[in-house]
Amino acid sequence: MLFDIAAMAAKPRYNLLASLIVPRPIAWVTSSDARGRLNAAPFSLFNMMSGTPPVVVLGIGNRAGRPKDSARNIIETGDFVINLVSEELLEAMNVTAIEFTEDIDELAEAGLATIPSHAVGPPRIARSPVALECTYTRSVELGQDRKLLIGEIIYAHVKDDVILNPDRGHIDAARMNLVGRMHGGGWYTTTTTPFRLARIPAEGWCQTQSSSGNQDSGSLR
């Protein structure tokens, strides 16, 4: 079936794309406003977009025509923390997704303890296996009450028991037991069943194709 994306209404279009582009990592963002009031909220329109520089991007929409607390806080204060969500923290994360008023501390409602960050103002969630301290760099307005917030990772806190080789940056990702967002209706997935698929060097592929008699050079591009 062919979907004309531009012709679709907003909600069905979101439902479709959010069900196709899966699984998505979850950025559990802790931030604070100019008065120091804390906020925590999960966002699955998120990913790392560059290693050098170490850039992350959050897609955050407005609520009732106003910026959500996380977006406002990040832009006002210039820093934030992305905590990653393990399976044991899924219920607590779901509490912080409730659309509380801005005077409610989601961390307190979810019973989550925090730890001061190393260099940014907002704290990190103590039980999260990974916390990325980030500084805000710029926003890209997308229209339709939505923007992309771009940040740079400056420090990463990682649980000791998942580290394989700190000098090489090697991590046992499965041991973090992270969850990812699937389609609508509250569906998630775990990351505990990884498998390995080795990259094929171009030279090896060419030799394989040559020995099999396939001379179609266009397939190598």
Protein backbone atom coordinates (compact mmCIF):
# COMPACT_ATOMS: atom_id res chain seq x y z
CA MET A 1 0.00 0.00 0.00
CA LEU A 2 1.25 3.45 -0.88
CA PHE A 3 0.75 6.24 1.66
CA ASP A 4 0.70 9.84 0.45
CA ILE A 5 2.34 11.34 3.54
CA ALA A 6 1.63 14.96 2.65
CA ALA A 7 -2.06 14.22 2.14
CA MET A 8 -2.54 12.52 5.50
CA ALA A 9 -4.04 14.23 8.53
CA ALA A 10 -1.60 14.90 11.36
CA LYS A 11 -2.68 12.16 13.78
CA PRO A 12 -2.84 9.25 11.29
CA ARG A 13 0.47 10.42 9.81
CA TYR A 14 2.10 10.40 13.24
CA ASN A 15 0.60 6.98 14.03
CA LEU A 16 1.98 5.56 10.79
CA LEU A 17 5.49 6.97 11.01
CA ALA A 18 5.86 6.25 14.72
CA SER A 19 4.93 2.64 14.00
CA LEU A 20 7.34 2.33 11.08
CA ILE A 21 10.44 3.94 12.53
CA VAL A 22 11.07 1.57 15.41
CA PRO A 23 12.51 0.87 17.87
CA ARG A 24 13.34 4.37 19.02
CA PRO A 25 15.60 5.13 21.99
CA ILE A 26 14.07 7.10 24.83
CA ALA A 27 15.61 10.34 26.09
CA TRP A 28 14.48 10.72 29.70
CA VAL A 29 15.30 14.40 30.03
CA THR A 30 15.95 16.10 33.34
CA SER A 31 16.01 19.88 33.24
CA SER A 32 15.39 22.84 35.48
CA ASP A 33 13.90 26.26 34.93
CA ALA A 34 15.51 29.59 35.77
CA ARG A 35 14.10 29.32 39.32
CA GLY A 36 15.64 25.89 39.85
CA ARG A 37 12.40 23.90 39.61
CA LEU A 38 13.11 20.41 38.29
CA ASN A 39 11.37 18.66 35.44
CA ALA A 40 11.62 15.14 34.04
CA ALA A 41 9.99 13.90 30.85
CA PRO A 42 10.59 11.13 28.28
CA PHE A 43 10.93 11.75 24.54
CA SER A 44 11.28 9.05 21.89
CA LEU A 45 11.82 11.43 18.96
CA PHE A 46 15.49 11.45 19.84
CA ASN A 47 18.85 10.13 18.70
CA MET A 48 22.57 10.74 18.42
CA MET A 49 23.31 12.45 15.12
CA SER A 50 27.08 12.80 15.27
CA GLY A 51 30.04 11.41 17.17
CA THR A 52 32.38 14.26 16.33
CA PRO A 53 31.07 16.64 17.49
CA PRO A 54 29.00 14.51 19.91
CA VAL A 55 25.55 15.80 18.96
CA VAL A 56 22.09 14.69 20.10
CA VAL A 57 18.75 15.92 18.79
CA LEU A 58 15.38 16.02 20.54
CA GLY A 59 12.09 16.55 18.72
CA ILE A 60 9.71 18.29 21.13
CA GLY A 61 6.26 19.59 20.32
CA ASN A 62 4.24 22.26 22.08
CA ARG A 63 1.36 21.65 24.46
CA ALA A 64 -1.77 23.74 23.88
CA GLY A 65 0.28 26.19 21.82
CA ARG A 66 2.98 26.67 24.48
CA PRO A 67 6.46 25.09 24.67
CA LYS A 68 6.61 22.03 26.89
CA ASP A 69 8.48 22.50 30.16
CA SER A 70 11.53 20.54 28.95
CA ALA A 71 11.97 22.63 25.80
CA ARG A 72 11.48 25.90 27.65
CA ASN A 73 13.94 24.89 30.39
CA ILE A 74 16.62 23.74 27.95
CA ILE A 75 16.46 26.95 25.94
CA GLU A 76 16.33 29.18 29.03
CA THR A 77 19.16 27.57 31.01
CA GLY A 78 21.29 26.06 28.25
CA ASP A 79 21.79 22.59 29.70
CA PHE A 80 20.03 19.30 30.33
CA VAL A 81 20.63 15.63 31.08
CA ILE A 82 19.50 12.68 28.98
CA ASN A 83 18.97 9.64 31.18
CA LEU A 84 18.43 6.32 29.42
CA VAL A 85 15.59 4.08 30.53
CA SER A 86 16.22 0.54 31.75
CA GLU A 87 13.40 -1.98 31.99
CA GLU A 88 13.27 -1.69 35.78
CA LEU A 89 12.62 2.06 35.45
CA LEU A 90 9.84 1.79 32.88
CA GLU A 91 6.99 2.33 35.34
CA ALA A 92 8.69 5.35 36.90
CA MET A 93 9.32 6.79 33.44
CA ASN A 94 5.64 6.38 32.65
CA VAL A 95 4.73 8.45 35.72
CA THR A 96 6.93 11.29 34.51
CA ALA A 97 5.10 11.21 31.16
CA ILE A 98 1.90 12.38 32.87
CA GLU A 99 1.01 15.91 31.76
CA PHE A 100 1.40 17.52 35.17
CA THR A 101 1.23 21.28 35.62
CA GLU A 102 4.59 23.02 35.75
CA ASP A 103 4.54 23.34 39.54
CA ILE A 104 4.60 19.54 40.00
CA ASP A 105 7.95 17.78 40.42
CA GLU A 106 7.70 14.66 38.26
CA LEU A 107 10.76 13.15 39.92
CA ALA A 108 9.11 13.33 43.33
CA GLU A 109 5.83 11.93 41.98
CA ALA A 110 7.70 8.94 40.54
CA GLY A 111 9.77 8.43 43.70
CA LEU A 112 13.05 8.94 41.85
CA ALA A 113 16.24 9.94 43.63
CA THR A 114 18.70 12.17 41.79
CA ILE A 115 22.44 12.78 41.89
CA PRO A 116 24.12 16.13 41.14
CA SER A 117 25.60 16.30 37.66
CA HIS A 118 29.29 16.91 37.09
CA ALA A 119 29.08 20.10 35.04
CA VAL A 120 25.46 21.02 34.28
CA GLY A 121 22.73 22.34 36.53
CA PRO A 122 20.03 19.65 36.28
CA PRO A 123 20.70 16.45 38.25
CA ARG A 124 20.75 12.96 36.80
CA ILE A 125 18.46 10.11 37.77
CA ALA A 126 20.36 7.95 40.23
CA ARG A 127 19.13 4.56 39.00
CA SER A 128 19.54 5.23 35.31
CA PRO A 129 22.38 3.13 33.84
CA VAL A 130 23.46 6.00 31.57
CA ALA A 131 23.21 9.76 31.97
CA LEU A 132 24.48 12.19 29.33
CA GLU A 133 25.20 15.73 30.44
CA CYS A 134 24.43 18.03 27.53
CA THR A 135 24.67 21.69 26.63
CA TYR A 136 22.09 23.29 24.37
CA THR A 137 23.42 24.69 21.09
CA ARG A 138 20.49 25.66 18.85
CA SER A 139 16.89 25.01 17.82
CA VAL A 140 15.38 24.35 14.43
CA GLU A 141 11.75 25.41 14.06
CA LEU A 142 9.73 22.85 12.11
CA GLY A 143 6.35 24.56 12.17
CA GLN A 144 3.18 22.89 13.40
CA ASP A 145 4.21 23.76 16.97
CA ARG A 146 7.32 21.57 16.90
CA LYS A 147 11.05 22.16 17.05
CA LEU A 148 14.30 20.25 17.05
CA LEU A 149 16.56 20.98 20.01
CA ILE A 150 20.22 20.28 19.34
CA GLY A 151 22.68 19.67 22.13
CA GLU A 152 26.26 18.56 22.64
CA ILE A 153 27.21 15.77 25.04
CA ILE A 154 29.95 16.91 27.40
CA TYR A 155 30.00 14.13 30.02
CA ALA A 156 28.64 10.57 30.14
CA HIS A 157 27.94 8.69 33.37
CA VAL A 158 27.86 4.92 32.83
CA LYS A 159 27.29 2.13 35.36
CA ASP A 160 30.58 0.41 36.13
CA ASP A 161 29.25 -3.11 35.62
CA VAL A 162 28.44 -2.55 31.93
CA ILE A 163 31.87 -1.19 30.97
CA LEU A 164 34.10 -3.60 29.04
CA ASN A 165 37.01 -1.37 28.03
CA PRO A 166 36.90 2.31 29.02
CA ASP A 167 39.94 3.22 26.91
CA ARG A 168 38.23 1.96 23.75
CA GLY A 169 34.75 3.05 24.79
CA HIS A 170 33.44 -0.52 24.69
CA ILE A 171 30.20 -1.23 26.58
CA ASP A 172 28.16 -4.37 27.14
CA ALA A 173 24.99 -2.77 25.80
CA ALA A 174 22.74 -5.75 26.54
CA ARG A 175 23.56 -5.55 30.26
CA MET A 176 22.10 -2.05 30.43
CA ASN A 177 18.70 -3.66 29.76
CA LEU A 178 17.40 -0.55 28.03
CA VAL A 179 13.94 -0.21 26.52
CA GLY A 180 12.93 1.39 23.25
CA ARG A 181 9.66 2.86 22.02
CA MET A 182 7.60 0.95 19.51
CA HIS A 183 4.20 1.93 18.06
CA GLY A 184 1.31 3.69 19.74
CA GLY A 185 -0.83 2.32 22.50
CA GLY A 186 2.03 2.04 24.97
CA TRP A 187 4.18 -0.54 23.18
CA TYR A 188 7.86 -0.86 24.08
CA THR A 189 10.66 -3.31 23.40
CA THR A 190 13.77 -4.45 25.25
CA THR A 191 17.34 -4.57 23.99
CA THR A 192 18.40 -7.79 25.70
CA THR A 193 18.64 -10.01 22.60
CA PRO A 194 21.31 -8.37 20.43
CA PHE A 195 23.04 -10.16 17.58
CA ARG A 196 26.18 -9.37 15.66
CA LEU A 197 26.46 -8.78 11.93
CA ALA A 198 29.98 -8.03 10.74
CA ARG A 199 30.56 -5.24 8.22
CA ILE A 200 31.69 -6.46 4.79
CA PRO A 201 34.84 -4.76 3.43
CA ALA A 202 34.51 -3.57 -0.16
CA GLU A 203 37.52 -5.66 -1.23
CA GLY A 204 36.03 -8.82 0.21
CA TRP A 205 32.70 -8.20 -1.48
CA CYS A 206 34.35 -7.61 -4.85
CA GLN A 207 36.31 -10.85 -4.55
CA THR A 208 33.16 -12.77 -3.60
CA GLN A 209 31.20 -11.34 -6.53
CA SER A 210 34.07 -12.05 -8.92
CA SER A 211 34.41 -15.66 -7.83
CA SER A 212 30.65 -16.18 -8.19
CA GLY A 213 30.65 -14.77 -11.70
CA ASN A 214 28.63 -11.66 -10.90
CA GLN A 215 30.23 -8.79 -12.78
CA ASP A 216 27.51 -6.17 -12.16
CA SER A 217 29.64 -3.31 -10.81
CA GLY A 218 26.50 -1.27 -10.18
CA SER A 219 25.65 -3.50 -7.22
CA LEU A 220 28.81 -2.33 -5.46
CA ARG A 221 27.77 1.31 -5.20
